[in-house]
PDB file of all heavy atoms in Angstrom:
ATOM      1  N   LYS A   1      15.547 -16.617 -13.850  1.00  0.00           N
ATOM      2  CA  LYS A   1      15.276 -17.136 -12.506  1.00  0.00           C
ATOM      3  C   LYS A   1      15.925 -16.274 -11.428  1.00  0.00           C
ATOM      4  O   LYS A   1      15.433 -16.221 -10.296  1.00  0.00           O
ATOM      5  CB  LYS A   1      15.735 -18.582 -12.378  1.00  0.00           C
ATOM      6  CG  LYS A   1      17.230 -18.812 -12.448  1.00  0.00           C
ATOM      7  CD  LYS A   1      17.557 -20.293 -12.257  1.00  0.00           C
ATOM      8  CE  LYS A   1      19.062 -20.536 -12.256  1.00  0.00           C
ATOM      9  NZ  LYS A   1      19.379 -21.977 -12.058  1.00  0.00           N
ATOM     10  N   GLU A   2      17.014 -15.563 -11.776  1.00  0.00           N
ATOM     11  CA  GLU A   2      17.629 -14.659 -10.805  1.00  0.00           C
ATOM     12  C   GLU A   2      16.744 -13.430 -10.590  1.00  0.00           C
ATOM     13  O   GLU A   2      16.573 -12.976  -9.452  1.00  0.00           O
ATOM     14  CB  GLU A   2      19.011 -14.232 -11.293  1.00  0.00           C
ATOM     15  CG  GLU A   2      20.039 -15.345 -11.283  1.00  0.00           C
ATOM     16  CD  GLU A   2      21.391 -14.872 -11.781  1.00  0.00           C
ATOM     17  OE1 GLU A   2      21.454 -14.367 -12.919  1.00  0.00           O
ATOM     18  OE2 GLU A   2      22.384 -14.998 -11.028  1.00  0.00           O
ATOM     19  N   LEU A   3      16.222 -12.901 -11.673  1.00  0.00           N
ATOM     20  CA  LEU A   3      15.284 -11.788 -11.544  1.00  0.00           C
ATOM     21  C   LEU A   3      14.039 -12.217 -10.780  1.00  0.00           C
ATOM     22  O   LEU A   3      13.546 -11.495  -9.901  1.00  0.00           O
ATOM     23  CB  LEU A   3      14.895 -11.270 -12.929  1.00  0.00           C
ATOM     24  CG  LEU A   3      16.001 -10.622 -13.769  1.00  0.00           C
ATOM     25  CD1 LEU A   3      15.485 -10.330 -15.173  1.00  0.00           C
ATOM     26  CD2 LEU A   3      16.508  -9.355 -13.112  1.00  0.00           C
ATOM     27  N   ALA A   4      13.540 -13.407 -11.125  1.00  0.00           N
ATOM     28  CA  ALA A   4      12.331 -13.900 -10.475  1.00  0.00           C
ATOM     29  C   ALA A   4      12.548 -14.111  -8.984  1.00  0.00           C
ATOM     30  O   ALA A   4      11.664 -13.831  -8.166  1.00  0.00           O
ATOM     31  CB  ALA A   4      11.882 -15.204 -11.131  1.00  0.00           C
ATOM     32  N   ALA A   5      13.746 -14.596  -8.614  1.00  0.00           N
ATOM     33  CA  ALA A   5      14.041 -14.835  -7.194  1.00  0.00           C
ATOM     34  C   ALA A   5      13.982 -13.532  -6.397  1.00  0.00           C
ATOM     35  O   ALA A   5      13.478 -13.501  -5.268  1.00  0.00           O
ATOM     36  CB  ALA A   5      15.413 -15.487  -7.048  1.00  0.00           C
ATOM     37  N   GLN A   6      14.496 -12.453  -6.994  1.00  0.00           N
ATOM     38  CA  GLN A   6      14.458 -11.156  -6.309  1.00  0.00           C
ATOM     39  C   GLN A   6      13.034 -10.613  -6.254  1.00  0.00           C
ATOM     40  O   GLN A   6      12.585 -10.103  -5.224  1.00  0.00           O
ATOM     41  CB  GLN A   6      15.362 -10.166  -7.050  1.00  0.00           C
ATOM     42  CG  GLN A   6      16.817 -10.527  -7.012  1.00  0.00           C
ATOM     43  CD  GLN A   6      17.641  -9.525  -6.227  1.00  0.00           C
ATOM     44  OE1 GLN A   6      17.125  -8.588  -5.633  1.00  0.00           O
ATOM     45  NE2 GLN A   6      18.937  -9.720  -6.213  1.00  0.00           N
ATOM     46  N   LEU A   7      12.340 -10.725  -7.365  1.00  0.00           N
ATOM     47  CA  LEU A   7      10.997 -10.146  -7.443  1.00  0.00           C
ATOM     48  C   LEU A   7       9.995 -10.912  -6.580  1.00  0.00           C
ATOM     49  O   LEU A   7       9.064 -10.313  -6.027  1.00  0.00           O
ATOM     50  CB  LEU A   7      10.520 -10.113  -8.894  1.00  0.00           C
ATOM     51  CG  LEU A   7      11.278  -9.131  -9.801  1.00  0.00           C
ATOM     52  CD1 LEU A   7      10.848  -9.302 -11.251  1.00  0.00           C
ATOM     53  CD2 LEU A   7      11.073  -7.696  -9.347  1.00  0.00           C
ATOM     54  N   THR A   8      10.168 -12.220  -6.442  1.00  0.00           N
ATOM     55  CA  THR A   8       9.232 -12.997  -5.629  1.00  0.00           C
ATOM     56  C   THR A   8       9.376 -12.688  -4.140  1.00  0.00           C
ATOM     57  O   THR A   8       8.477 -12.994  -3.354  1.00  0.00           O
ATOM     58  CB  THR A   8       9.432 -14.508  -5.845  1.00  0.00           C
ATOM     59  OG1 THR A   8      10.811 -14.845  -5.647  1.00  0.00           O
ATOM     60  CG2 THR A   8       9.013 -14.919  -7.241  1.00  0.00           C
ATOM     61  N   VAL A   9      10.488 -12.096  -3.759  1.00  0.00           N
ATOM     62  CA  VAL A   9      10.646 -11.637  -2.375  1.00  0.00           C
ATOM     63  C   VAL A   9      10.297 -10.155  -2.259  1.00  0.00           C
ATOM     64  O   VAL A   9       9.550  -9.737  -1.378  1.00  0.00           O
ATOM     65  CB  VAL A   9      12.084 -11.884  -1.872  1.00  0.00           C
ATOM     66  CG1 VAL A   9      12.266 -11.297  -0.473  1.00  0.00           C
ATOM     67  CG2 VAL A   9      12.394 -13.367  -1.859  1.00  0.00           C
ATOM     68  N   GLY A  10      10.835  -9.355  -3.196  1.00  0.00           N
ATOM     69  CA  GLY A  10      10.650  -7.908  -3.108  1.00  0.00           C
ATOM     70  C   GLY A  10       9.240  -7.443  -3.396  1.00  0.00           C
ATOM     71  O   GLY A  10       8.699  -6.604  -2.661  1.00  0.00           O
ATOM     72  N   ILE A  11       8.609  -7.982  -4.437  1.00  0.00           N
ATOM     73  CA  ILE A  11       7.268  -7.519  -4.816  1.00  0.00           C
ATOM     74  C   ILE A  11       6.237  -7.795  -3.715  1.00  0.00           C
ATOM     75  O   ILE A  11       5.440  -6.900  -3.385  1.00  0.00           O
ATOM     76  CB  ILE A  11       6.822  -8.160  -6.146  1.00  0.00           C
ATOM     77  CG1 ILE A  11       7.705  -7.655  -7.296  1.00  0.00           C
ATOM     78  CG2 ILE A  11       5.353  -7.856  -6.435  1.00  0.00           C
ATOM     79  CD1 ILE A  11       7.592  -6.172  -7.560  1.00  0.00           C
ATOM     80  N   PRO A  12       6.182  -9.016  -3.127  1.00  0.00           N
ATOM     81  CA  PRO A  12       5.214  -9.223  -2.045  1.00  0.00           C
ATOM     82  C   PRO A  12       5.401  -8.262  -0.874  1.00  0.00           C
ATOM     83  O   PRO A  12       4.418  -7.778  -0.306  1.00  0.00           O
ATOM     84  CB  PRO A  12       5.456 -10.671  -1.618  1.00  0.00           C
ATOM     85  CG  PRO A  12       5.985 -11.336  -2.835  1.00  0.00           C
ATOM     86  CD  PRO A  12       6.839 -10.287  -3.496  1.00  0.00           C
ATOM     87  N   MET A  13       6.661  -7.956  -0.524  1.00  0.00           N
ATOM     88  CA  MET A  13       6.880  -7.012   0.575  1.00  0.00           C
ATOM     89  C   MET A  13       6.497  -5.600   0.161  1.00  0.00           C
ATOM     90  O   MET A  13       5.941  -4.834   0.959  1.00  0.00           O
ATOM     91  CB  MET A  13       8.334  -7.064   1.037  1.00  0.00           C
ATOM     92  CG  MET A  13       8.678  -8.355   1.758  1.00  0.00           C
ATOM     93  SD  MET A  13      10.245  -8.281   2.655  1.00  0.00           S
ATOM     94  CE  MET A  13       9.830  -7.139   3.966  1.00  0.00           C
ATOM     95  N   GLY A  14       6.771  -5.250  -1.094  1.00  0.00           N
ATOM     96  CA  GLY A  14       6.327  -3.947  -1.580  1.00  0.00           C
ATOM     97  C   GLY A  14       4.817  -3.854  -1.609  1.00  0.00           C
ATOM     98  O   GLY A  14       4.229  -2.846  -1.212  1.00  0.00           O
ATOM     99  N   MET A  15       4.170  -4.936  -2.073  1.00  0.00           N
ATOM    100  CA  MET A  15       2.710  -4.968  -2.101  1.00  0.00           C
ATOM    101  C   MET A  15       2.128  -4.900  -0.701  1.00  0.00           C
ATOM    102  O   MET A  15       1.084  -4.286  -0.469  1.00  0.00           O
ATOM    103  CB  MET A  15       2.235  -6.237  -2.804  1.00  0.00           C
ATOM    104  CG  MET A  15       2.491  -6.256  -4.300  1.00  0.00           C
ATOM    105  SD  MET A  15       1.617  -4.928  -5.164  1.00  0.00           S
ATOM    106  CE  MET A  15      -0.081  -5.410  -4.859  1.00  0.00           C
ATOM    107  N   GLN A  16       2.805  -5.550   0.250  1.00  0.00           N
ATOM    108  CA  GLN A  16       2.334  -5.509   1.639  1.00  0.00           C
ATOM    109  C   GLN A  16       2.278  -4.076   2.135  1.00  0.00           C
ATOM    110  O   GLN A  16       1.285  -3.638   2.722  1.00  0.00           O
ATOM    111  CB  GLN A  16       3.268  -6.324   2.529  1.00  0.00           C
ATOM    112  CG  GLN A  16       2.977  -6.217   4.019  1.00  0.00           C
ATOM    113  CD  GLN A  16       4.151  -6.669   4.856  1.00  0.00           C
ATOM    114  OE1 GLN A  16       4.840  -7.625   4.509  1.00  0.00           O
ATOM    115  NE2 GLN A  16       4.404  -5.982   5.948  1.00  0.00           N
ATOM    116  N   PHE A  17       3.362  -3.315   1.889  1.00  0.00           N
ATOM    117  CA  PHE A  17       3.386  -1.915   2.298  1.00  0.00           C
ATOM    118  C   PHE A  17       2.283  -1.129   1.593  1.00  0.00           C
ATOM    119  O   PHE A  17       1.593  -0.312   2.201  1.00  0.00           O
ATOM    120  CB  PHE A  17       4.751  -1.303   1.975  1.00  0.00           C
ATOM    121  CG  PHE A  17       5.833  -1.623   2.964  1.00  0.00           C
ATOM    122  CD1 PHE A  17       6.246  -2.928   3.180  1.00  0.00           C
ATOM    123  CD2 PHE A  17       6.453  -0.617   3.677  1.00  0.00           C
ATOM    124  CE1 PHE A  17       7.250  -3.225   4.085  1.00  0.00           C
ATOM    125  CE2 PHE A  17       7.463  -0.896   4.587  1.00  0.00           C
ATOM    126  CZ  PHE A  17       7.859  -2.205   4.785  1.00  0.00           C
ATOM    127  N   SER A  18       2.130  -1.378   0.287  1.00  0.00           N
ATOM    128  CA  SER A  18       1.171  -0.603  -0.494  1.00  0.00           C
ATOM    129  C   SER A  18      -0.271  -0.975  -0.180  1.00  0.00           C
ATOM    130  O   SER A  18      -1.148  -0.113  -0.164  1.00  0.00           O
ATOM    131  CB  SER A  18       1.445  -0.794  -1.993  1.00  0.00           C
ATOM    132  OG  SER A  18       2.643  -0.167  -2.355  1.00  0.00           O
ATOM    133  N   ILE A  19      -0.525  -2.263   0.054  1.00  0.00           N
ATOM    134  CA  ILE A  19      -1.878  -2.702   0.386  1.00  0.00           C
ATOM    135  C   ILE A  19      -2.337  -2.038   1.678  1.00  0.00           C
ATOM    136  O   ILE A  19      -3.477  -1.560   1.789  1.00  0.00           O
ATOM    137  CB  ILE A  19      -1.949  -4.235   0.499  1.00  0.00           C
ATOM    138  CG1 ILE A  19      -1.853  -4.854  -0.904  1.00  0.00           C
ATOM    139  CG2 ILE A  19      -3.244  -4.685   1.171  1.00  0.00           C
ATOM    140  CD1 ILE A  19      -1.664  -6.352  -0.882  1.00  0.00           C
ATOM    141  N   ILE A  20      -1.443  -2.005   2.648  1.00  0.00           N
ATOM    142  CA  ILE A  20      -1.766  -1.327   3.901  1.00  0.00           C
ATOM    143  C   ILE A  20      -2.041   0.156   3.640  1.00  0.00           C
ATOM    144  O   ILE A  20      -2.965   0.753   4.201  1.00  0.00           O
ATOM    145  CB  ILE A  20      -0.620  -1.502   4.913  1.00  0.00           C
ATOM    146  CG1 ILE A  20      -0.518  -2.985   5.326  1.00  0.00           C
ATOM    147  CG2 ILE A  20      -0.822  -0.618   6.138  1.00  0.00           C
ATOM    148  CD1 ILE A  20       0.682  -3.297   6.186  1.00  0.00           C
ATOM    149  N   ALA A  21      -1.237   0.746   2.734  1.00  0.00           N
ATOM    150  CA  ALA A  21      -1.422   2.166   2.417  1.00  0.00           C
ATOM    151  C   ALA A  21      -2.726   2.417   1.669  1.00  0.00           C
ATOM    152  O   ALA A  21      -3.317   3.495   1.806  1.00  0.00           O
ATOM    153  CB  ALA A  21      -0.236   2.671   1.596  1.00  0.00           C
ATOM    154  N   ILE A  22      -3.179   1.439   0.858  1.00  0.00           N
ATOM    155  CA  ILE A  22      -4.470   1.597   0.180  1.00  0.00           C
ATOM    156  C   ILE A  22      -5.582   1.751   1.210  1.00  0.00           C
ATOM    157  O   ILE A  22      -6.480   2.581   1.067  1.00  0.00           O
ATOM    158  CB  ILE A  22      -4.748   0.389  -0.745  1.00  0.00           C
ATOM    159  CG1 ILE A  22      -3.802   0.415  -1.946  1.00  0.00           C
ATOM    160  CG2 ILE A  22      -6.197   0.423  -1.252  1.00  0.00           C
ATOM    161  CD1 ILE A  22      -3.894  -0.820  -2.811  1.00  0.00           C
ATOM    162  N   GLY A  23      -5.517   0.928   2.262  1.00  0.00           N
ATOM    163  CA  GLY A  23      -6.493   1.069   3.337  1.00  0.00           C
ATOM    164  C   GLY A  23      -6.435   2.452   3.955  1.00  0.00           C
ATOM    165  O   GLY A  23      -7.469   3.058   4.251  1.00  0.00           O
ATOM    166  N   ALA A  24      -5.214   2.958   4.123  1.00  0.00           N
ATOM    167  CA  ALA A  24      -5.060   4.305   4.671  1.00  0.00           C
ATOM    168  C   ALA A  24      -5.632   5.358   3.723  1.00  0.00           C
ATOM    169  O   ALA A  24      -6.179   6.372   4.160  1.00  0.00           O
ATOM    170  CB  ALA A  24      -3.579   4.584   4.949  1.00  0.00           C
ATOM    171  N   LEU A  25      -5.506   5.109   2.408  1.00  0.00           N
ATOM    172  CA  LEU A  25      -6.084   6.033   1.438  1.00  0.00           C
ATOM    173  C   LEU A  25      -7.606   6.079   1.554  1.00  0.00           C
ATOM    174  O   LEU A  25      -8.224   7.154   1.454  1.00  0.00           O
ATOM    175  CB  LEU A  25      -5.685   5.616   0.019  1.00  0.00           C
ATOM    176  CG  LEU A  25      -4.246   5.940  -0.421  1.00  0.00           C
ATOM    177  CD1 LEU A  25      -3.928   5.233  -1.734  1.00  0.00           C
ATOM    178  CD2 LEU A  25      -4.060   7.441  -0.561  1.00  0.00           C
ATOM    179  N   LEU A  26      -8.214   4.924   1.754  1.00  0.00           N
ATOM    180  CA  LEU A  26      -9.671   4.885   1.917  1.00  0.00           C
ATOM    181  C   LEU A  26     -10.096   5.632   3.177  1.00  0.00           C
ATOM    182  O   LEU A  26     -11.097   6.354   3.181  1.00  0.00           O
ATOM    183  CB  LEU A  26     -10.148   3.432   1.970  1.00  0.00           C
ATOM    184  CG  LEU A  26      -9.985   2.627   0.674  1.00  0.00           C
ATOM    185  CD1 LEU A  26     -10.330   1.164   0.919  1.00  0.00           C
ATOM    186  CD2 LEU A  26     -10.870   3.211  -0.419  1.00  0.00           C
ATOM    187  N   VAL A  27      -9.323   5.438   4.228  1.00  0.00           N
ATOM    188  CA  VAL A  27      -9.608   6.169   5.464  1.00  0.00           C
ATOM    189  C   VAL A  27      -9.416   7.664   5.234  1.00  0.00           C
ATOM    190  O   VAL A  27     -10.202   8.488   5.719  1.00  0.00           O
ATOM    191  CB  VAL A  27      -8.696   5.667   6.607  1.00  0.00           C
ATOM    192  CG1 VAL A  27      -8.870   6.535   7.856  1.00  0.00           C
ATOM    193  CG2 VAL A  27      -9.008   4.211   6.939  1.00  0.00           C
ATOM    194  N   GLN A  28      -8.371   8.029   4.471  1.00  0.00           N
ATOM    195  CA  GLN A  28      -8.131   9.437   4.165  1.00  0.00           C
ATOM    196  C   GLN A  28      -9.299  10.035   3.387  1.00  0.00           C
ATOM    197  O   GLN A  28      -9.705  11.174   3.621  1.00  0.00           O
ATOM    198  CB  GLN A  28      -6.840   9.582   3.350  1.00  0.00           C
ATOM    199  CG  GLN A  28      -6.448  11.018   3.062  1.00  0.00           C
ATOM    200  CD  GLN A  28      -5.967  11.760   4.289  1.00  0.00           C
ATOM    201  OE1 GLN A  28      -5.077  11.284   4.990  1.00  0.00           O
ATOM    202  NE2 GLN A  28      -6.545  12.915   4.569  1.00  0.00           N
ATOM    203  N   ARG A  29      -9.854   9.248   2.461  1.00  0.00           N
ATOM    204  CA  ARG A  29     -11.010   9.715   1.679  1.00  0.00           C
ATOM    205  C   ARG A  29     -12.198  10.020   2.597  1.00  0.00           C
ATOM    206  O   ARG A  29     -12.864  11.046   2.454  1.00  0.00           O
ATOM    207  CB  ARG A  29     -11.395   8.642   0.659  1.00  0.00           C
ATOM    208  CG  ARG A  29     -12.630   8.988  -0.178  1.00  0.00           C
ATOM    209  CD  ARG A  29     -12.340  10.142  -1.100  1.00  0.00           C
ATOM    210  NE  ARG A  29     -13.477  10.472  -1.942  1.00  0.00           N
ATOM    211  CZ  ARG A  29     -14.498  11.257  -1.610  1.00  0.00           C
ATOM    212  NH1 ARG A  29     -14.528  11.805  -0.405  1.00  0.00           N
ATOM    213  NH2 ARG A  29     -15.470  11.503  -2.457  1.00  0.00           N
ATOM    214  N   ALA A  30     -12.428   9.132   3.557  1.00  0.00           N
ATOM    215  CA  ALA A  30     -13.512   9.366   4.513  1.00  0.00           C
ATOM    216  C   ALA A  30     -13.196  10.546   5.426  1.00  0.00           C
ATOM    217  O   ALA A  30     -14.065  11.351   5.755  1.00  0.00           O
ATOM    218  CB  ALA A  30     -13.751   8.105   5.340  1.00  0.00           C
ATOM    219  N   LEU A  31     -11.918  10.653   5.809  1.00  0.00           N
ATOM    220  CA  LEU A  31     -11.495  11.741   6.691  1.00  0.00           C
ATOM    221  C   LEU A  31     -11.668  13.098   6.020  1.00  0.00           C
ATOM    222  O   LEU A  31     -12.083  14.074   6.662  1.00  0.00           O
ATOM    223  CB  LEU A  31     -10.025  11.535   7.086  1.00  0.00           C
ATOM    224  CG  LEU A  31      -9.360  12.622   7.936  1.00  0.00           C
ATOM    225  CD1 LEU A  31     -10.008  12.682   9.313  1.00  0.00           C
ATOM    226  CD2 LEU A  31      -7.866  12.360   8.061  1.00  0.00           C
ATOM    227  N   ASN A  32     -11.364  13.188   4.734  1.00  0.00           N
ATOM    228  CA  ASN A  32     -11.467  14.464   4.022  1.00  0.00           C
ATOM    229  C   ASN A  32     -12.889  15.024   4.051  1.00  0.00           C
ATOM    230  O   ASN A  32     -13.092  16.227   3.943  1.00  0.00           O
ATOM    231  CB  ASN A  32     -11.002  14.299   2.578  1.00  0.00           C
ATOM    232  CG  ASN A  32      -9.491  14.138   2.475  1.00  0.00           C
ATOM    233  OD1 ASN A  32      -8.766  14.450   3.408  1.00  0.00           O
ATOM    234  ND2 ASN A  32      -9.026  13.642   1.339  1.00  0.00           N
ATOM    235  N   GLY A  33     -13.869  14.134   4.199  1.00  0.00           N
ATOM    236  CA  GLY A  33     -15.249  14.589   4.267  1.00  0.00           C
ATOM    237  C   GLY A  33     -15.646  15.146   5.614  1.00  0.00           C
ATOM    238  O   GLY A  33     -16.754  15.691   5.764  1.00  0.00           O
ATOM    239  N   LEU A  34     -14.752  15.040   6.615  1.00  0.00           N
ATOM    240  CA  LEU A  34     -15.058  15.527   7.961  1.00  0.00           C
ATOM    241  C   LEU A  34     -14.557  16.944   8.214  1.00  0.00           C
ATOM    242  O   LEU A  34     -14.781  17.491   9.298  1.00  0.00           O
ATOM    243  CB  LEU A  34     -14.465  14.572   9.014  1.00  0.00           C
ATOM    244  CG  LEU A  34     -14.990  13.132   8.990  1.00  0.00           C
ATOM    245  CD1 LEU A  34     -14.294  12.292  10.063  1.00  0.00           C
ATOM    246  CD2 LEU A  34     -16.504  13.095   9.189  1.00  0.00           C
ATOM    247  N   GLY A  35     -13.844  17.532   7.234  1.00  0.00           N
ATOM    248  CA  GLY A  35     -13.414  18.914   7.382  1.00  0.00           C
ATOM    249  C   GLY A  35     -11.946  19.062   7.739  1.00  0.00           C
ATOM    250  O   GLY A  35     -11.264  18.095   8.098  1.00  0.00           O
ATOM    251  N   THR A  36     -11.445  20.308   7.655  1.00  0.00           N
ATOM    252  CA  THR A  36     -10.015  20.561   7.848  1.00  0.00           C
ATOM    253  C   THR A  36      -9.558  20.354   9.294  1.00  0.00           C
ATOM    254  O   THR A  36      -8.414  19.984   9.537  1.00  0.00           O
ATOM    255  CB  THR A  36      -9.667  21.997   7.415  1.00  0.00           C
ATOM    256  OG1 THR A  36     -10.495  22.918   8.126  1.00  0.00           O
ATOM    257  CG2 THR A  36      -9.873  22.179   5.927  1.00  0.00           C
ATOM    258  N   THR A  37     -10.432  20.588  10.273  1.00  0.00           N
ATOM    259  CA  THR A  37     -10.036  20.349  11.675  1.00  0.00           C
ATOM    260  C   THR A  37      -9.767  18.868  11.907  1.00  0.00           C
ATOM    261  O   THR A  37      -8.773  18.495  12.549  1.00  0.00           O
ATOM    262  CB  THR A  37     -11.126  20.838  12.641  1.00  0.00           C
ATOM    263  OG1 THR A  37     -11.332  22.237  12.469  1.00  0.00           O
ATOM    264  CG2 THR A  37     -10.710  20.574  14.087  1.00  0.00           C
TER     265      THR A  37
END
């Protein structure tokens, strides 16, 4: 329960950062098709 208490706070915040970054990755994928400029 001590591990779970830490993970139930830390993992959602980590996922929040990463979920937002996944969106940025999708945008990056679209951006790469527009050229180096």
